[in-house]
Amino acid sequence: MRFPGPRDEQPSTYGTVDSLKVSRNPSGEPEIFCSIQGEGVTSGTPTAFLRLAVCNLSCTWCDTKYTWDWEHYDRMSEVMEMTIPEVERRVLAFDCPHLVVTGGEPMLQQRQLAPLASALAERGYYCEVETNGTIAPEPELADAVAQWNVSPKTASSSNRAGKREVPAALEAFSKLGNAYFKFVVVEPSDVDDVRQLVGRYNLHTDRVILMPEGTTAGAIQERGRWVAEASVEHGFRFSTRLHISLWGDERGR
């Protein structure tokens, strides 16, 4: 099943050069919050989060469909445009020098994101960017990002192969020394997809992470058992979803 979204727009069409399209909380406030990183190699780290809106993929199991699925969510209610200085002010207010930019798909707005990431890097911030790996980073943003969390999608996401796998983009990320490749695993066949991608792009197994899909603690625990076993078998890292275990599928956590 495919969900409608702005999949055919180009990265340069999102926002103006000095603003970002940000996910809006039900309260009306932007989805900029402080919590702990729940996934990947920096799991457990106190972190400020910036959730950007819109995405170029449509994963069936996506837990942030409110950022792109305009058939089931109202775009005007779910998205707000903010200037770069206003976003920076809100991030700095947490006094937490670790930022994760997530989405949606942040790379659709990378030209707007670059000045923000650069300004925060100059202040000593460690900036992580979550991406589906379909859009290669431009130099200005790449220079400001401390860590890339690249999450290529497997067949279980229901995105067509030519949409979810963009060789030039994955090759670009594979050459970055600060990129980790985090795969959402739904079923055993996903592990086979991961192994094929690892081989095609010569990914180092120490930078490959398997993470069980799930939006409840029970689902994460149940699926996590065999995903962890697969990680051991193939020499990959394993990540749980710590925030789900602690708070469930709660926005702003």
C-alpha atoms as a PDB file:
ATOM      1  CA  MET A   1       0.000   0.000   0.000  1.00  0.00           C
ATOM      2  CA  ARG A   2       1.284   3.472  -0.898  1.00  0.00           C
ATOM      3  CA  PHE A   3       0.445   6.599   1.045  1.00  0.00           C
ATOM      4  CA  PRO A   4       0.243   9.999  -0.622  1.00  0.00           C
ATOM      5  CA  GLY A   5       2.984  12.486   0.112  1.00  0.00           C
ATOM      6  CA  PRO A   6       5.249  14.995  -1.632  1.00  0.00           C
ATOM      7  CA  ARG A   7       7.433  12.253  -3.092  1.00  0.00           C
ATOM      8  CA  ASP A   8       7.941  13.831  -6.496  1.00  0.00           C
ATOM      9  CA  GLU A   9       9.027  17.256  -5.312  1.00  0.00           C
ATOM     10  CA  GLN A  10      12.696  18.242  -5.392  1.00  0.00           C
ATOM     11  CA  PRO A  11      14.701  19.054  -2.231  1.00  0.00           C
ATOM     12  CA  SER A  12      14.928  22.748  -3.155  1.00  0.00           C
ATOM     13  CA  THR A  13      11.128  23.181  -3.054  1.00  0.00           C
ATOM     14  CA  TYR A  14      10.809  22.865   0.711  1.00  0.00           C
ATOM     15  CA  GLY A  15      10.588  26.190   2.496  1.00  0.00           C
ATOM     16  CA  THR A  16      12.531  29.339   1.800  1.00  0.00           C
ATOM     17  CA  VAL A  17      16.294  29.633   2.113  1.00  0.00           C
ATOM     18  CA  ASP A  18      15.991  31.025   5.652  1.00  0.00           C
ATOM     19  CA  SER A  19      13.221  28.837   7.068  1.00  0.00           C
ATOM     20  CA  LEU A  20      12.473  25.207   7.870  1.00  0.00           C
ATOM     21  CA  LYS A  21       9.269  23.209   7.684  1.00  0.00           C
ATOM     22  CA  VAL A  22       8.930  21.768  11.190  1.00  0.00           C
ATOM     23  CA  SER A  23       6.484  19.205  12.557  1.00  0.00           C
ATOM     24  CA  ARG A  24       3.848  20.761  14.804  1.00  0.00           C
ATOM     25  CA  ASN A  25       2.696  19.167  18.049  1.00  0.00           C
ATOM     26  CA  PRO A  26      -1.051  18.868  18.781  1.00  0.00           C
ATOM     27  CA  SER A  27      -0.542  21.758  21.224  1.00  0.00           C
ATOM     28  CA  GLY A  28       0.468  23.967  18.306  1.00  0.00           C
ATOM     29  CA  GLU A  29       4.090  24.173  19.407  1.00  0.00           C
ATOM     30  CA  PRO A  30       6.899  22.970  17.128  1.00  0.00           C
ATOM     31  CA  GLU A  31       8.164  19.445  17.708  1.00  0.00           C
ATOM     32  CA  ILE A  32      11.444  20.568  19.226  1.00  0.00           C
ATOM     33  CA  PHE A  33      12.040  18.853  22.547  1.00  0.00           C
ATOM     34  CA  CYS A  34      14.624  17.418  24.924  1.00  0.00           C
ATOM     35  CA  SER A  35      14.778  13.750  25.908  1.00  0.00           C
ATOM     36  CA  ILE A  36      17.268  10.921  25.510  1.00  0.00           C
ATOM     37  CA  GLN A  37      18.449   9.413  22.274  1.00  0.00           C
ATOM     38  CA  GLY A  38      16.600   6.115  22.099  1.00  0.00           C
ATOM     39  CA  GLU A  39      18.297   4.462  19.123  1.00  0.00           C
ATOM     40  CA  GLY A  40      21.686   3.728  17.627  1.00  0.00           C
ATOM     41  CA  VAL A  41      25.235   4.174  18.872  1.00  0.00           C
ATOM     42  CA  THR A  42      24.475   7.226  21.065  1.00  0.00           C
ATOM     43  CA  SER A  43      21.450   5.634  22.752  1.00  0.00           C
ATOM     44  CA  GLY A  44      20.934   6.969  26.275  1.00  0.00           C
ATOM     45  CA  THR A  45      22.525  10.362  25.598  1.00  0.00           C
ATOM     46  CA  PRO A  46      20.602  13.464  26.737  1.00  0.00           C
ATOM     47  CA  THR A  47      19.518  15.015  23.460  1.00  0.00           C
ATOM     48  CA  ALA A  48      17.639  17.920  21.936  1.00  0.00           C
ATOM     49  CA  PHE A  49      15.433  16.839  19.025  1.00  0.00           C
ATOM     50  CA  LEU A  50      14.271  18.775  15.983  1.00  0.00           C
ATOM     51  CA  ARG A  51      11.634  16.984  13.919  1.00  0.00           C
ATOM     52  CA  LEU A  52      11.317  18.306  10.374  1.00  0.00           C
ATOM     53  CA  ALA A  53       8.243  17.709   8.251  1.00  0.00           C
ATOM     54  CA  VAL A  54       7.707  16.063   4.827  1.00  0.00           C
ATOM     55  CA  CYS A  55       9.253  12.885   3.444  1.00  0.00           C
ATOM     56  CA  ASN A  56      10.018  11.419   0.024  1.00  0.00           C
ATOM     57  CA  LEU A  57       9.195   7.819   1.053  1.00  0.00           C
ATOM     58  CA  SER A  58       6.022   6.236   2.441  1.00  0.00           C
ATOM     59  CA  CYS A  59       6.874   3.345   4.744  1.00  0.00           C
ATOM     60  CA  THR A  60       3.825   1.337   5.771  1.00  0.00           C
ATOM     61  CA  TRP A  61       5.115   0.936   9.341  1.00  0.00           C
ATOM     62  CA  CYS A  62       6.241   4.587   9.736  1.00  0.00           C
ATOM     63  CA  ASP A  63       5.475   5.932  13.216  1.00  0.00           C
ATOM     64  CA  THR A  64       5.587   9.592  12.153  1.00  0.00           C
ATOM     65  CA  LYS A  65       3.070   9.557   9.300  1.00  0.00           C
ATOM     66  CA  TYR A  66       1.757  12.867  10.571  1.00  0.00           C
ATOM     67  CA  THR A  67       4.824  14.455   8.933  1.00  0.00           C
ATOM     68  CA  TRP A  68       3.907  13.368   5.387  1.00  0.00           C
ATOM     69  CA  ASP A  69       0.677  11.353   5.010  1.00  0.00           C
ATOM     70  CA  TRP A  70      -1.729  14.078   3.908  1.00  0.00           C
ATOM     71  CA  GLU A  71      -4.534  11.635   3.180  1.00  0.00           C
ATOM     72  CA  HIS A  72      -4.869  10.862   6.870  1.00  0.00           C
ATOM     73  CA  TYR A  73      -3.421  14.037   8.434  1.00  0.00           C
ATOM     74  CA  ASP A  74      -4.028  17.722   7.781  1.00  0.00           C
ATOM     75  CA  ARG A  75      -0.857  19.347   6.481  1.00  0.00           C
ATOM     76  CA  MET A  76      -1.816  22.810   7.735  1.00  0.00           C
ATOM     77  CA  SER A  77      -2.294  21.445  11.253  1.00  0.00           C
ATOM     78  CA  GLU A  78       0.806  19.258  11.290  1.00  0.00           C
ATOM     79  CA  VAL A  79       3.433  21.517   9.689  1.00  0.00           C
ATOM     80  CA  MET A  80       4.712  24.959  10.578  1.00  0.00           C
ATOM     81  CA  GLU A  81       7.368  27.118   8.967  1.00  0.00           C
ATOM     82  CA  MET A  82      10.018  28.569  11.277  1.00  0.00           C
ATOM     83  CA  THR A  83      12.946  30.855  10.641  1.00  0.00           C
ATOM     84  CA  ILE A  84      16.431  29.485  11.238  1.00  0.00           C
ATOM     85  CA  PRO A  85      17.119  31.914  14.128  1.00  0.00           C
ATOM     86  CA  GLU A  86      13.870  30.877  15.864  1.00  0.00           C
ATOM     87  CA  VAL A  87      14.716  27.174  15.578  1.00  0.00           C
ATOM     88  CA  GLU A  88      18.223  27.853  16.858  1.00  0.00           C
ATOM     89  CA  ARG A  89      16.852  29.837  19.815  1.00  0.00           C
ATOM     90  CA  ARG A  90      14.555  26.993  20.834  1.00  0.00           C
ATOM     91  CA  VAL A  91      17.321  24.395  20.551  1.00  0.00           C
ATOM     92  CA  LEU A  92      19.760  26.509  22.578  1.00  0.00           C
ATOM     93  CA  ALA A  93      17.155  27.025  25.312  1.00  0.00           C
ATOM     94  CA  PHE A  94      17.538  23.372  26.367  1.00  0.00           C
ATOM     95  CA  ASP A  95      21.239  23.901  27.133  1.00  0.00           C
ATOM     96  CA  CYS A  96      21.845  20.385  25.791  1.00  0.00           C
ATOM     97  CA  PRO A  97      24.763  20.324  23.316  1.00  0.00           C
ATOM     98  CA  HIS A  98      23.628  17.162  21.529  1.00  0.00           C
ATOM     99  CA  LEU A  99      21.114  17.592  18.720  1.00  0.00           C
ATOM    100  CA  VAL A 100      19.312  14.990  16.622  1.00  0.00           C
ATOM    101  CA  VAL A 101      17.588  16.242  13.482  1.00  0.00           C
ATOM    102  CA  THR A 102      14.924  13.776  12.450  1.00  0.00           C
ATOM    103  CA  GLY A 103      11.742  13.685  10.396  1.00  0.00           C
ATOM    104  CA  GLY A 104      10.158  13.120   8.034  1.00  0.00           C
ATOM    105  CA  GLU A 105      13.228  13.304   5.833  1.00  0.00           C
ATOM    106  CA  PRO A 106      15.617  16.115   6.857  1.00  0.00           C
ATOM    107  CA  MET A 107      17.652  15.924   3.660  1.00  0.00           C
ATOM    108  CA  LEU A 108      14.752  17.366   1.680  1.00  0.00           C
ATOM    109  CA  GLN A 109      15.637  20.612   3.492  1.00  0.00           C
ATOM    110  CA  GLN A 110      19.387  20.221   3.685  1.00  0.00           C
ATOM    111  CA  ARG A 111      20.174  23.617   2.149  1.00  0.00           C
ATOM    112  CA  GLN A 112      18.055  25.314   4.800  1.00  0.00           C
ATOM    113  CA  LEU A 113      19.370  22.998   7.523  1.00  0.00           C
ATOM    114  CA  ALA A 114      23.051  23.634   6.757  1.00  0.00           C
ATOM    115  CA  PRO A 115      23.244  27.152   8.278  1.00  0.00           C
ATOM    116  CA  LEU A 116      21.582  25.948  11.474  1.00  0.00           C
ATOM    117  CA  ALA A 117      23.879  22.936  11.804  1.00  0.00           C
ATOM    118  CA  SER A 118      26.926  25.093  11.100  1.00  0.00           C
ATOM    119  CA  ALA A 119      25.952  27.690  13.713  1.00  0.00           C
ATOM    120  CA  LEU A 120      25.362  25.016  16.346  1.00  0.00           C
ATOM    121  CA  ALA A 121      28.600  23.190  15.473  1.00  0.00           C
ATOM    122  CA  GLU A 122      30.471  26.448  16.086  1.00  0.00           C
ATOM    123  CA  ARG A 123      28.935  26.464  19.562  1.00  0.00           C
ATOM    124  CA  GLY A 124      30.250  22.965  20.207  1.00  0.00           C
ATOM    125  CA  TYR A 125      27.083  21.007  19.446  1.00  0.00           C
ATOM    126  CA  TYR A 126      27.283  17.376  18.384  1.00  0.00           C
ATOM    127  CA  CYS A 127      24.746  17.140  15.589  1.00  0.00           C
ATOM    128  CA  GLU A 128      23.246  13.872  14.339  1.00  0.00           C
ATOM    129  CA  VAL A 129      21.054  13.731  11.252  1.00  0.00           C
ATOM    130  CA  GLU A 130      18.591  10.888  10.657  1.00  0.00           C
ATOM    131  CA  THR A 131      18.036  10.131   6.971  1.00  0.00           C
ATOM    132  CA  ASN A 132      16.667   7.393   4.738  1.00  0.00           C
ATOM    133  CA  GLY A 133      19.793   7.591   2.578  1.00  0.00           C
ATOM    134  CA  THR A 134      18.129   8.587  -0.693  1.00  0.00           C
ATOM    135  CA  ILE A 135      19.630  12.098  -0.916  1.00  0.00           C
ATOM    136  CA  ALA A 136      23.398  12.635  -0.808  1.00  0.00           C
ATOM    137  CA  PRO A 137      24.701  15.334   1.552  1.00  0.00           C
ATOM    138  CA  GLU A 138      26.040  18.580   0.165  1.00  0.00           C
ATOM    139  CA  PRO A 139      29.436  19.782   1.489  1.00  0.00           C
ATOM    140  CA  GLU A 140      28.119  22.625   3.653  1.00  0.00           C
ATOM    141  CA  LEU A 141      25.898  20.315   5.673  1.00  0.00           C
ATOM    142  CA  ALA A 142      28.348  17.408   5.662  1.00  0.00           C
ATOM    143  CA  ASP A 143      31.001  19.639   7.262  1.00  0.00           C
ATOM    144  CA  ALA A 144      28.677  20.549  10.144  1.00  0.00           C
ATOM    145  CA  VAL A 145      27.244  17.104  10.939  1.00  0.00           C
ATOM    146  CA  ALA A 146      29.078  15.009  13.504  1.00  0.00           C
ATOM    147  CA  GLN A 147      27.149  11.790  12.854  1.00  0.00           C
ATOM    148  CA  TRP A 148      24.880  10.461  10.136  1.00  0.00           C
ATOM    149  CA  ASN A 149      22.253   7.870  11.054  1.00  0.00           C
ATOM    150  CA  VAL A 150      21.419   6.443   7.637  1.00  0.00           C
ATOM    151  CA  SER A 151      18.378   4.185   7.557  1.00  0.00           C
ATOM    152  CA  PRO A 152      17.933   2.593   4.107  1.00  0.00           C
ATOM    153  CA  LYS A 153      14.580   0.899   3.711  1.00  0.00           C
ATOM    154  CA  THR A 154      14.025  -2.761   2.935  1.00  0.00           C
ATOM    155  CA  ALA A 155      11.232  -4.374   0.919  1.00  0.00           C
ATOM    156  CA  SER A 156       8.979  -4.637   3.990  1.00  0.00           C
ATOM    157  CA  SER A 157       8.606  -0.845   3.939  1.00  0.00           C
ATOM    158  CA  SER A 158       6.522  -1.245   0.725  1.00  0.00           C
ATOM    159  CA  ASN A 159       8.476   1.495  -1.063  1.00  0.00           C
ATOM    160  CA  ARG A 160       9.379   0.428  -4.583  1.00  0.00           C
ATOM    161  CA  ALA A 161      13.015  -0.593  -5.035  1.00  0.00           C
ATOM    162  CA  GLY A 162      13.973   2.295  -7.307  1.00  0.00           C
ATOM    163  CA  LYS A 163      12.598   4.794  -4.796  1.00  0.00           C
ATOM    164  CA  ARG A 164      14.046   3.402  -1.589  1.00  0.00           C
ATOM    165  CA  GLU A 165      17.535   2.634  -2.930  1.00  0.00           C
ATOM    166  CA  VAL A 166      19.434   5.435  -4.667  1.00  0.00           C
ATOM    167  CA  PRO A 167      22.931   4.076  -5.423  1.00  0.00           C
ATOM    168  CA  ALA A 168      24.683   7.435  -5.770  1.00  0.00           C
ATOM    169  CA  ALA A 169      23.381   8.598  -2.404  1.00  0.00           C
ATOM    170  CA  LEU A 170      24.239   5.367  -0.573  1.00  0.00           C
ATOM    171  CA  GLU A 171      27.694   5.338  -2.142  1.00  0.00           C
ATOM    172  CA  ALA A 172      28.240   8.896  -0.888  1.00  0.00           C
ATOM    173  CA  PHE A 173      27.223   7.971   2.653  1.00  0.00           C
ATOM    174  CA  SER A 174      29.295   4.782   2.572  1.00  0.00           C
ATOM    175  CA  LYS A 175      32.417   6.899   2.057  1.00  0.00           C
ATOM    176  CA  LEU A 176      31.800   9.030   5.134  1.00  0.00           C
ATOM    177  CA  GLY A 177      33.652   7.952   8.237  1.00  0.00           C
ATOM    178  CA  ASN A 178      30.898   9.282  10.512  1.00  0.00           C
ATOM    179  CA  ALA A 179      27.961   7.433   8.979  1.00  0.00           C
ATOM    180  CA  TYR A 180      26.161   4.528  10.666  1.00  0.00           C
ATOM    181  CA  PHE A 181      23.594   2.430   8.820  1.00  0.00           C
ATOM    182  CA  LYS A 182      20.545   1.627  10.941  1.00  0.00           C
ATOM    183  CA  PHE A 183      18.039  -0.811   9.474  1.00  0.00           C
ATOM    184  CA  VAL A 184      14.489  -1.202  10.754  1.00  0.00           C
ATOM    185  CA  VAL A 185      13.755  -4.934  10.833  1.00  0.00           C
ATOM    186  CA  VAL A 186      10.196  -6.202  10.600  1.00  0.00           C
ATOM    187  CA  GLU A 187      10.636  -9.776   9.370  1.00  0.00           C
ATOM    188  CA  PRO A 188      13.547 -12.207   8.768  1.00  0.00           C
ATOM    189  CA  SER A 189      13.640 -11.389   5.049  1.00  0.00           C
ATOM    190  CA  ASP A 190      14.717  -7.867   6.001  1.00  0.00           C
ATOM    191  CA  VAL A 191      17.996  -9.280   7.291  1.00  0.00           C
ATOM    192  CA  ASP A 192      18.628 -10.794   3.857  1.00  0.00           C
ATOM    193  CA  ASP A 193      17.966  -7.366   2.301  1.00  0.00           C
ATOM    194  CA  VAL A 194      20.428  -5.793   4.736  1.00  0.00           C
ATOM    195  CA  ARG A 195      23.131  -8.290   3.878  1.00  0.00           C
ATOM    196  CA  GLN A 196      22.686  -7.566   0.177  1.00  0.00           C
ATOM    197  CA  LEU A 197      22.958  -3.826   0.755  1.00  0.00           C
ATOM    198  CA  VAL A 198      26.030  -4.300   2.934  1.00  0.00           C
ATOM    199  CA  GLY A 199      27.676  -6.222   0.112  1.00  0.00           C
ATOM    200  CA  ARG A 200      26.648  -3.821  -2.655  1.00  0.00           C
ATOM    201  CA  TYR A 201      27.973  -0.740  -0.867  1.00  0.00           C
ATOM    202  CA  ASN A 202      30.855  -2.368   0.998  1.00  0.00           C
ATOM    203  CA  LEU A 203      29.526  -1.280   4.392  1.00  0.00           C
ATOM    204  CA  HIS A 204      31.656  -2.120   7.410  1.00  0.00           C
ATOM    205  CA  THR A 205      29.694  -4.452   9.686  1.00  0.00           C
ATOM    206  CA  ASP A 206      30.704  -2.429  12.768  1.00  0.00           C
ATOM    207  CA  ARG A 207      28.709   0.471  11.321  1.00  0.00           C
ATOM    208  CA  VAL A 208      25.618  -1.596  10.511  1.00  0.00           C
ATOM    209  CA  ILE A 209      22.843  -1.640  13.112  1.00  0.00           C
ATOM    210  CA  LEU A 210      19.732  -3.819  13.199  1.00  0.00           C
ATOM    211  CA  MET A 211      16.765  -2.415  15.096  1.00  0.00           C
ATOM    212  CA  PRO A 212      13.397  -4.111  15.656  1.00  0.00           C
ATOM    213  CA  GLU A 213      10.325  -2.273  14.404  1.00  0.00           C
ATOM    214  CA  GLY A 214       7.630  -1.638  16.972  1.00  0.00           C
ATOM    215  CA  THR A 215       5.713   1.069  18.788  1.00  0.00           C
ATOM    216  CA  THR A 216       5.095  -0.804  22.059  1.00  0.00           C
ATOM    217  CA  ALA A 217       7.505  -2.196  24.612  1.00  0.00           C
ATOM    218  CA  GLY A 218       6.075  -5.677  24.078  1.00  0.00           C
ATOM    219  CA  ALA A 219       6.559  -5.594  20.321  1.00  0.00           C
ATOM    220  CA  ILE A 220      10.124  -4.333  20.678  1.00  0.00           C
ATOM    221  CA  GLN A 221      10.966  -7.050  23.190  1.00  0.00           C
ATOM    222  CA  GLU A 222       9.384  -9.867  21.189  1.00  0.00           C
ATOM    223  CA  ARG A 223      10.863  -8.906  17.830  1.00  0.00           C
ATOM    224  CA  GLY A 224      14.100  -7.779  19.446  1.00  0.00           C
ATOM    225  CA  ARG A 225      15.009 -11.283  20.578  1.00  0.00           C
ATOM    226  CA  TRP A 226      15.430 -12.742  17.102  1.00  0.00           C
ATOM    227  CA  VAL A 227      16.798  -9.489  15.676  1.00  0.00           C
ATOM    228  CA  ALA A 228      19.509  -9.563  18.347  1.00  0.00           C
ATOM    229  CA  GLU A 229      20.313 -13.164  17.430  1.00  0.00           C
ATOM    230  CA  ALA A 230      20.592 -12.155  13.766  1.00  0.00           C
ATOM    231  CA  SER A 231      22.921  -9.319  14.735  1.00  0.00           C
ATOM    232  CA  VAL A 232      25.232 -11.737  16.541  1.00  0.00           C
ATOM    233  CA  GLU A 233      25.104 -14.214  13.662  1.00  0.00           C
ATOM    234  CA  HIS A 234      26.133 -11.656  11.032  1.00  0.00           C
ATOM    235  CA  GLY A 235      28.419  -9.437  13.103  1.00  0.00           C
ATOM    236  CA  PHE A 236      26.128  -6.386  13.107  1.00  0.00           C
ATOM    237  CA  ARG A 237      25.345  -4.036  15.969  1.00  0.00           C
ATOM    238  CA  PHE A 238      21.957  -4.220  17.673  1.00  0.00           C
ATOM    239  CA  SER A 239      19.796  -1.358  18.876  1.00  0.00           C
ATOM    240  CA  THR A 240      16.555  -1.396  20.790  1.00  0.00           C
ATOM    241  CA  ARG A 241      14.167   1.586  20.876  1.00  0.00           C
ATOM    242  CA  LEU A 242      14.779   2.779  24.413  1.00  0.00           C
ATOM    243  CA  HIS A 243      12.243   5.614  24.312  1.00  0.00           C
ATOM    244  CA  ILE A 244       9.485   3.184  23.296  1.00  0.00           C
ATOM    245  CA  SER A 245      10.357   0.895  26.202  1.00  0.00           C
ATOM    246  CA  LEU A 246      10.191   3.845  28.609  1.00  0.00           C
ATOM    247  CA  TRP A 247       7.300   5.964  27.302  1.00  0.00           C
ATOM    248  CA  GLY A 248       5.591   4.067  24.509  1.00  0.00           C
ATOM    249  CA  ASP A 249       4.720   5.786  21.251  1.00  0.00           C
ATOM    250  CA  GLU A 250       4.408   9.241  22.825  1.00  0.00           C
ATOM    251  CA  ARG A 251       5.245  12.351  20.825  1.00  0.00           C
ATOM    252  CA  GLY A 252       7.870  14.620  22.354  1.00  0.00           C
ATOM    253  CA  ARG A 253       9.710  11.666  23.884  1.00  0.00           C
END
